[in-house]
Amino acid sequence: MRAFRNGLLAAAAVLVLATAGVARAQEGVATGDTSGKKIALSNSYAGNSWRQQMLKTWDRATSEAVQNHVIKAAKVVNANASAPEQANQIESLIVEGWDAIVINAASPTALNGVIQEACDQHIVVVVFDGLATAPCAYKVAYDYVSMGRQEAGFVASHLNGKGNVLEVRGIAGVSVDDDIHKGITEEFAKSPGVRIAGSVHGNWTQTIAQKEVASVLPSLPPIEGVVTQGGDGWGTYEAFKAAGRPTPLIVFGNRQDELALWADLLKQNPNYDTFSVSSAPGCASVAFWVAQQVLAGKKVPNMVTLPLPVIRKDELDAWLKVMPPGSVATPVYTQAWAAEVIDANAAGKPLPTSPVAKAGDM
């Protein structure tokens, strides 16, 4: 009997050690062979600087992965902000036999059927930035509700809890726009003296934002603050300038033209105080690495949250030195960093610091 019990204890010890070994194997970069795998990107929209740079970061990450025999092939298809067109494109990718499909979705729900179809075909699906709610898809996202709260909290504080605010939103119907708006309205609700006097959709594009803001300014009272979503701060400023209105506090969105404008405003008025926050186009490369790591056998949580890049006044010059015209502030996310952020999400630990861009990264 004692021998039998000792045998059970020994077996249990081996099982514990083996389980610990599996747990340790999940940490860091998974090294399963993906050299024969193909990963495609389905992008809903390519009509602004953020999306253009997103495509560049995807191309850079995937080209290097193909060159280094990490994967066999990569591909990009772009829809024209049309969920039906994007769904049809994803159907084609399924038929073509791609091993993983990474999606920046045109709608939170309209693609769920085709995403489930891909999952049923044992295709790895990763959605990022513009999310879809399909349960089977891995999700890579920034906390956009938190972004909206940061903006609104900053503006309310600087207005001493009282004033009129203009909200410049993104593309209607996309989860990013919904989430940022949710955070903004929830945070402003804590300051009853702050009123959203007007709201327009700038589509994250400077020219559209300028046109839409210009169209509503004649009907608005004096505006003390503007909350934005990125790619709209410069256009908003131009609309106020053309209307002969004083420049309000504008929260910027990490675009080079916005940061250069901020630097100019500081030269005119050293007390002009704001900050800049936006998602980084490089999140496309994180989504790619998440797909690759799933294919390599890594256990990945359904939701992978990324740290938002925030630029403060004392960091402004350093970013402008490495950003060419037309660019968006973005770090370069490596496979190792992606594995680190996956592990942090899985363990419920603090997220790693977002990498800092260097000259040549963008």
Protein backbone atom coordinates (compact mmCIF):
# COMPACT_ATOMS: atom_id res chain seq x y z
CA MET A 1 0.00 0.00 0.00
CA ARG A 2 2.83 2.39 0.89
CA ALA A 3 4.57 1.59 -2.38
CA PHE A 4 1.35 2.26 -4.28
CA ARG A 5 0.90 5.62 -2.48
CA ASN A 6 4.50 6.58 -3.14
CA GLY A 7 3.99 5.73 -6.78
CA LEU A 8 0.97 8.01 -6.93
CA LEU A 9 2.93 10.84 -5.32
CA ALA A 10 5.76 10.39 -7.77
CA ALA A 11 3.36 10.40 -10.71
CA ALA A 12 1.69 13.54 -9.36
CA ALA A 13 5.07 15.23 -9.03
CA VAL A 14 5.91 14.39 -12.64
CA LEU A 15 2.52 15.78 -13.74
CA VAL A 16 3.09 19.03 -11.84
CA LEU A 17 6.54 19.43 -13.37
CA ALA A 18 5.20 18.69 -16.82
CA THR A 19 2.38 21.21 -16.37
CA ALA A 20 4.85 23.83 -15.18
CA GLY A 21 6.94 23.13 -18.26
CA VAL A 22 3.91 23.75 -20.49
CA ALA A 23 3.19 27.01 -18.66
CA ARG A 24 6.77 28.14 -19.10
CA ALA A 25 6.66 27.21 -22.79
CA GLN A 26 3.75 29.63 -23.24
CA GLU A 27 5.87 32.57 -22.13
CA GLY A 28 7.93 34.43 -24.72
CA VAL A 29 7.98 33.80 -28.46
CA ALA A 30 6.39 30.53 -29.60
CA THR A 31 8.72 28.75 -32.02
CA GLY A 32 6.34 26.39 -33.80
CA ASP A 33 7.07 26.15 -37.53
CA THR A 34 4.94 28.65 -39.51
CA SER A 35 7.23 28.86 -42.55
CA GLY A 36 4.52 27.37 -44.75
CA LYS A 37 1.69 29.57 -43.47
CA LYS A 38 -0.01 32.47 -45.26
CA ILE A 39 -1.48 35.51 -43.47
CA ALA A 40 -3.74 38.09 -45.16
CA LEU A 41 -4.95 41.54 -44.12
CA SER A 42 -8.50 42.68 -44.81
CA ASN A 43 -8.56 46.46 -44.35
CA SER A 44 -11.83 48.38 -44.34
CA TYR A 45 -10.51 51.79 -45.35
CA ALA A 46 -7.28 53.34 -46.64
CA GLY A 47 -8.24 56.98 -47.11
CA ASN A 48 -6.23 58.81 -44.45
CA SER A 49 -2.65 59.14 -43.22
CA TRP A 50 -3.15 56.75 -40.30
CA ARG A 51 -4.41 53.97 -42.53
CA GLN A 52 -1.68 54.57 -45.10
CA GLN A 53 0.99 54.27 -42.45
CA MET A 54 -0.77 51.25 -41.00
CA LEU A 55 -0.41 49.55 -44.37
CA LYS A 56 3.29 50.47 -44.44
CA THR A 57 3.89 48.92 -41.03
CA TRP A 58 2.03 45.78 -42.11
CA ASP A 59 4.13 45.56 -45.27
CA ARG A 60 7.34 46.07 -43.33
CA ALA A 61 6.54 43.39 -40.75
CA THR A 62 5.25 40.84 -43.25
CA SER A 63 8.00 41.43 -45.82
CA GLU A 64 10.66 40.78 -43.19
CA ALA A 65 8.76 37.71 -41.96
CA VAL A 66 8.60 36.29 -45.50
CA GLN A 67 12.25 37.10 -46.13
CA ASN A 68 13.25 35.37 -42.89
CA HIS A 69 11.04 32.33 -43.67
CA VAL A 70 8.82 32.96 -40.65
CA ILE A 71 5.79 32.74 -42.98
CA LYS A 72 5.33 31.84 -46.63
CA ALA A 73 3.23 34.75 -47.91
CA ALA A 74 1.17 37.81 -47.00
CA LYS A 75 -1.50 39.79 -48.81
CA VAL A 76 -3.61 42.96 -48.39
CA VAL A 77 -7.13 43.67 -49.64
CA ASN A 78 -8.80 47.05 -49.08
CA ALA A 79 -12.53 47.75 -48.95
CA ASN A 80 -13.89 51.24 -49.54
CA ALA A 81 -15.31 51.71 -46.02
CA SER A 82 -17.97 49.22 -47.08
CA ALA A 83 -18.84 46.30 -44.81
CA PRO A 84 -20.55 44.30 -47.63
CA GLU A 85 -17.48 44.74 -49.86
CA GLN A 86 -15.19 43.71 -47.02
CA ALA A 87 -17.32 40.64 -46.29
CA ASN A 88 -17.07 39.59 -49.95
CA GLN A 89 -13.29 40.05 -49.87
CA ILE A 90 -13.01 37.90 -46.74
CA GLU A 91 -15.12 35.22 -48.45
CA SER A 92 -12.55 35.21 -51.26
CA LEU A 93 -9.67 34.88 -48.78
CA ILE A 94 -11.41 31.87 -47.23
CA VAL A 95 -11.76 30.23 -50.64
CA GLU A 96 -8.10 30.98 -51.43
CA GLY A 97 -7.05 29.03 -48.34
CA TRP A 98 -5.26 31.61 -46.20
CA ASP A 99 -4.17 30.23 -42.83
CA ALA A 100 -4.92 33.45 -40.94
CA ILE A 101 -6.91 36.58 -41.75
CA VAL A 102 -6.22 39.83 -39.91
CA ILE A 103 -9.11 42.31 -40.12
CA ASN A 104 -9.55 46.03 -39.52
CA ALA A 105 -13.33 45.92 -39.58
CA ALA A 106 -15.78 48.35 -41.17
CA SER A 107 -18.47 47.39 -38.66
CA PRO A 108 -18.58 45.78 -35.20
CA THR A 109 -21.29 43.32 -36.29
CA ALA A 110 -21.71 43.19 -40.08
CA LEU A 111 -18.70 40.88 -40.59
CA ASN A 112 -19.51 38.44 -37.80
CA GLY A 113 -21.08 35.88 -40.12
CA VAL A 114 -18.13 35.67 -42.49
CA ILE A 115 -15.68 35.71 -39.57
CA GLN A 116 -17.48 32.73 -38.05
CA GLU A 117 -17.32 31.02 -41.43
CA ALA A 118 -13.54 31.51 -41.46
CA CYS A 119 -13.23 30.16 -37.92
CA ASP A 120 -15.31 27.12 -38.88
CA GLN A 121 -12.73 26.48 -41.62
CA HIS A 122 -10.00 26.50 -38.91
CA ILE A 123 -8.65 29.82 -40.14
CA VAL A 124 -7.14 32.01 -37.42
CA VAL A 125 -8.95 35.37 -37.36
CA VAL A 126 -7.51 38.43 -35.61
CA VAL A 127 -9.42 41.72 -35.58
CA PHE A 128 -7.72 44.96 -34.59
CA ASP A 129 -8.32 48.72 -34.39
CA GLY A 130 -11.85 48.65 -35.85
CA LEU A 131 -13.10 45.58 -34.01
CA ALA A 132 -15.75 43.02 -34.82
CA THR A 133 -17.62 41.28 -32.02
CA ALA A 134 -17.47 37.72 -33.39
CA PRO A 135 -16.57 35.58 -30.33
CA CYS A 136 -14.21 33.30 -32.25
CA ALA A 137 -11.91 36.14 -33.36
CA TYR A 138 -8.85 37.22 -31.40
CA LYS A 139 -8.98 40.95 -30.72
CA VAL A 140 -6.06 43.39 -30.61
CA ALA A 141 -7.11 46.82 -29.43
CA TYR A 142 -6.38 49.97 -27.57
CA ASP A 143 -8.70 51.00 -24.76
CA TYR A 144 -10.48 53.68 -26.75
CA VAL A 145 -13.02 54.37 -24.01
CA SER A 146 -10.06 55.26 -21.79
CA MET A 147 -8.71 57.51 -24.56
CA GLY A 148 -11.98 59.44 -24.64
CA ARG A 149 -11.95 59.78 -20.87
CA GLN A 150 -8.37 61.08 -20.92
CA GLU A 151 -9.27 63.75 -23.44
CA ALA A 152 -12.45 64.87 -21.70
CA GLY A 153 -10.83 64.86 -18.28
CA PHE A 154 -7.94 67.00 -19.52
CA VAL A 155 -10.25 69.52 -21.22
CA ALA A 156 -12.67 69.73 -18.28
CA SER A 157 -9.79 70.33 -15.90
CA HIS A 158 -8.29 73.09 -18.06
CA LEU A 159 -11.67 74.77 -18.46
CA ASN A 160 -12.18 74.64 -14.70
CA GLY A 161 -15.31 72.58 -15.22
CA LYS A 162 -17.17 75.11 -17.36
CA GLY A 163 -17.26 75.85 -21.10
CA ASN A 164 -18.42 74.86 -24.57
CA VAL A 165 -16.72 71.98 -26.36
CA LEU A 166 -16.77 70.76 -29.95
CA GLU A 167 -16.45 67.00 -30.52
CA VAL A 168 -14.84 65.88 -33.78
CA ARG A 169 -15.64 62.20 -34.27
CA GLY A 170 -14.29 59.53 -36.65
CA ILE A 171 -16.12 57.30 -39.12
CA ALA A 172 -19.71 56.63 -38.08
CA GLY A 173 -20.47 53.01 -37.24
CA VAL A 174 -16.89 51.93 -36.50
CA SER A 175 -16.22 50.62 -33.00
CA VAL A 176 -13.29 53.02 -32.49
CA ASP A 177 -15.56 56.04 -32.96
CA ASP A 178 -18.24 54.58 -30.70
CA ASP A 179 -15.78 53.79 -27.91
CA ILE A 180 -13.98 57.17 -27.90
CA HIS A 181 -17.34 58.97 -27.95
CA LYS A 182 -18.53 56.82 -25.04
CA GLY A 183 -15.48 57.74 -22.96
CA ILE A 184 -15.83 61.44 -23.78
CA THR A 185 -19.51 61.66 -22.87
CA GLU A 186 -19.07 59.62 -19.68
CA GLU A 187 -16.22 61.82 -18.47
CA PHE A 188 -17.91 65.11 -19.35
CA ALA A 189 -20.97 63.93 -17.41
CA LYS A 190 -18.85 64.42 -14.29
CA SER A 191 -18.55 68.14 -15.14
CA PRO A 192 -22.10 69.48 -15.69
CA GLY A 193 -20.69 72.90 -16.54
CA VAL A 194 -18.97 71.53 -19.65
CA ARG A 195 -21.33 71.25 -22.61
CA ILE A 196 -20.75 69.53 -25.96
CA ALA A 197 -22.07 72.37 -28.10
CA GLY A 198 -21.56 70.59 -31.41
CA SER A 199 -20.42 67.30 -32.94
CA VAL A 200 -19.24 66.41 -36.45
CA HIS A 201 -17.72 63.36 -38.13
CA GLY A 202 -14.28 64.21 -39.50
CA ASN A 203 -13.53 60.63 -40.62
CA TRP A 204 -10.00 60.88 -39.11
CA THR A 205 -9.06 62.96 -42.16
CA GLN A 206 -7.83 66.57 -41.94
CA THR A 207 -9.58 67.88 -45.06
CA ILE A 208 -12.92 66.33 -44.10
CA ALA A 209 -12.60 67.57 -40.52
CA GLN A 210 -11.85 71.09 -41.76
CA LYS A 211 -14.90 71.08 -44.04
CA GLU A 212 -17.27 69.65 -41.42
CA VAL A 213 -16.08 71.93 -38.62
CA ALA A 214 -16.36 74.96 -40.92
CA SER A 215 -19.93 74.00 -41.74
CA VAL A 216 -21.09 74.05 -38.09
CA LEU A 217 -19.04 76.93 -36.66
CA PRO A 218 -21.50 79.67 -37.72
CA SER A 219 -24.20 78.03 -35.58
CA LEU A 220 -22.03 77.45 -32.52
CA PRO A 221 -21.38 79.63 -29.47
CA PRO A 222 -17.79 80.46 -28.50
CA ILE A 223 -15.83 77.19 -28.26
CA GLU A 224 -13.20 76.80 -25.55
CA GLY A 225 -12.13 73.20 -26.18
CA VAL A 226 -12.11 70.55 -28.91
CA VAL A 227 -11.91 66.80 -28.34
CA THR A 228 -10.81 64.79 -31.35
CA GLN A 229 -9.95 61.25 -32.43
CA GLY A 230 -6.76 61.73 -34.47
CA GLY A 231 -6.17 62.99 -37.99
CA ASP A 232 -8.51 65.93 -37.42
CA GLY A 233 -6.71 68.45 -35.16
CA TRP A 234 -4.95 70.37 -37.95
CA GLY A 235 -8.12 70.57 -40.05
CA THR A 236 -10.08 71.75 -37.02
CA TYR A 237 -7.55 74.51 -36.37
CA GLU A 238 -7.70 75.63 -40.01
CA ALA A 239 -11.50 75.88 -39.81
CA PHE A 240 -11.33 78.08 -36.69
CA LYS A 241 -8.62 80.22 -38.29
CA ALA A 242 -10.59 80.72 -41.51
CA ALA A 243 -13.66 81.70 -39.49
CA GLY A 244 -11.66 84.29 -37.56
CA ARG A 245 -12.33 82.55 -34.30
CA PRO A 246 -9.86 82.30 -31.38
CA THR A 247 -7.90 79.05 -31.26
CA PRO A 248 -9.43 76.80 -28.60
CA LEU A 249 -7.69 74.08 -26.64
CA ILE A 250 -7.45 71.27 -29.22
CA VAL A 251 -6.45 67.75 -28.22
CA PHE A 252 -4.17 66.50 -31.00
CA GLY A 253 -3.86 63.01 -32.49
CA ASN A 254 -0.17 62.16 -33.00
CA ARG A 255 -0.03 63.21 -36.68
CA GLN A 256 3.06 65.08 -37.85
CA ASP A 257 1.04 68.04 -39.11
CA GLU A 258 -0.76 68.31 -35.77
CA LEU A 259 2.46 68.10 -33.75
CA ALA A 260 4.11 70.72 -36.00
CA LEU A 261 1.07 72.96 -35.49
CA TRP A 262 1.33 72.44 -31.74
CA ALA A 263 4.99 73.54 -31.86
CA ASP A 264 3.99 76.67 -33.80
CA LEU A 265 1.21 77.47 -31.33
CA LEU A 266 3.70 77.18 -28.48
CA LYS A 267 5.97 79.70 -30.22
CA GLN A 268 3.05 82.12 -30.37
CA ASN A 269 1.91 81.36 -26.84
CA PRO A 270 4.23 79.35 -24.52
CA ASN A 271 1.23 78.78 -22.22
CA TYR A 272 -0.80 76.93 -24.88
CA ASP A 273 -1.31 73.65 -23.06
CA THR A 274 -2.63 70.44 -24.57
CA PHE A 275 -1.50 66.87 -25.21
CA SER A 276 -1.61 64.39 -28.07
CA VAL A 277 -3.01 60.86 -27.99
CA SER A 278 -3.89 58.29 -30.61
CA SER A 279 -3.62 54.68 -31.47
CA ALA A 280 -0.45 53.79 -33.39
CA PRO A 281 -0.60 52.49 -36.98
CA GLY A 282 2.00 49.94 -35.91
CA CYS A 283 -0.75 47.99 -34.16
CA ALA A 284 -1.21 46.28 -37.55
CA SER A 285 2.14 44.60 -37.00
CA VAL A 286 1.08 43.50 -33.51
CA ALA A 287 -2.05 41.94 -35.00
CA PHE A 288 0.13 40.16 -37.56
CA TRP A 289 2.42 38.79 -34.85
CA VAL A 290 -0.56 37.68 -32.78
CA ALA A 291 -1.84 35.68 -35.78
CA GLN A 292 1.62 34.22 -36.38
CA GLN A 293 2.03 33.30 -32.72
CA VAL A 294 -1.35 31.55 -32.62
CA LEU A 295 -0.30 29.56 -35.70
CA ALA A 296 3.00 28.79 -33.93
CA GLY A 297 1.12 27.26 -31.00
CA LYS A 298 1.17 30.07 -28.45
CA LYS A 299 -1.80 30.33 -26.12
CA VAL A 300 -3.24 33.81 -26.68
CA PRO A 301 -6.13 35.44 -24.76
CA ASN A 302 -9.18 36.45 -26.76
CA MET A 303 -8.46 40.13 -26.07
CA VAL A 304 -4.97 41.64 -26.31
CA THR A 305 -4.94 45.25 -25.10
CA LEU A 306 -2.14 47.61 -26.17
CA PRO A 307 -0.76 50.70 -24.39
CA LEU A 308 -1.82 53.99 -26.01
CA PRO A 309 1.03 56.26 -27.18
CA VAL A 310 0.63 59.66 -25.48
CA ILE A 311 2.80 62.67 -26.36
CA ARG A 312 3.29 65.43 -23.79
CA LYS A 313 4.76 68.89 -24.34
CA ASP A 314 8.22 67.89 -23.13
CA GLU A 315 8.31 65.03 -25.69
CA LEU A 316 7.10 67.08 -28.65
CA ASP A 317 10.48 68.07 -30.12
CA ALA A 318 11.88 64.54 -29.84
CA TRP A 319 8.98 63.11 -31.84
CA LEU A 320 9.08 65.83 -34.50
CA LYS A 321 12.76 65.08 -35.12
CA VAL A 322 11.97 61.50 -36.24
CA MET A 323 8.67 62.11 -38.04
CA PRO A 324 8.62 62.94 -41.76
CA PRO A 325 5.72 65.02 -43.15
CA GLY A 326 2.54 63.01 -43.51
CA SER A 327 3.49 60.46 -40.87
CA VAL A 328 1.80 59.35 -37.67
CA ALA A 329 3.74 58.75 -34.45
CA THR A 330 4.18 55.02 -34.12
CA PRO A 331 6.68 52.68 -32.54
CA VAL A 332 7.98 49.62 -34.36
CA TYR A 333 6.47 46.55 -32.72
CA THR A 334 8.61 43.43 -32.96
CA GLN A 335 7.66 39.78 -32.60
CA ALA A 336 9.36 39.72 -29.17
CA TRP A 337 7.42 42.79 -27.98
CA ALA A 338 4.16 41.30 -29.26
CA ALA A 339 4.86 38.11 -27.30
CA GLU A 340 5.59 40.22 -24.22
CA VAL A 341 2.30 42.10 -24.47
CA ILE A 342 0.43 38.82 -25.06
CA ASP A 343 1.99 37.39 -21.89
CA ALA A 344 1.11 40.51 -19.87
CA ASN A 345 -2.53 40.31 -20.98
CA ALA A 346 -2.70 36.59 -20.26
CA ALA A 347 -1.28 37.04 -16.76
CA GLY A 348 -3.22 40.21 -15.95
CA LYS A 349 0.04 42.08 -15.40
CA PRO A 350 0.90 45.70 -16.32
CA LEU A 351 1.44 46.18 -20.03
CA PRO A 352 4.99 46.71 -21.29
CA THR A 353 5.97 50.25 -22.18
CA SER A 354 5.24 51.18 -25.78
CA PRO A 355 8.53 51.23 -27.75
CA VAL A 356 10.01 54.60 -28.67
CA ALA A 357 10.45 55.43 -32.34
CA LYS A 358 13.90 56.26 -33.70
CA ALA A 359 15.02 58.06 -36.84
CA GLY A 360 14.28 55.84 -39.82
CA ASP A 361 11.48 53.91 -38.13
CA MET A 362 8.83 55.93 -39.94
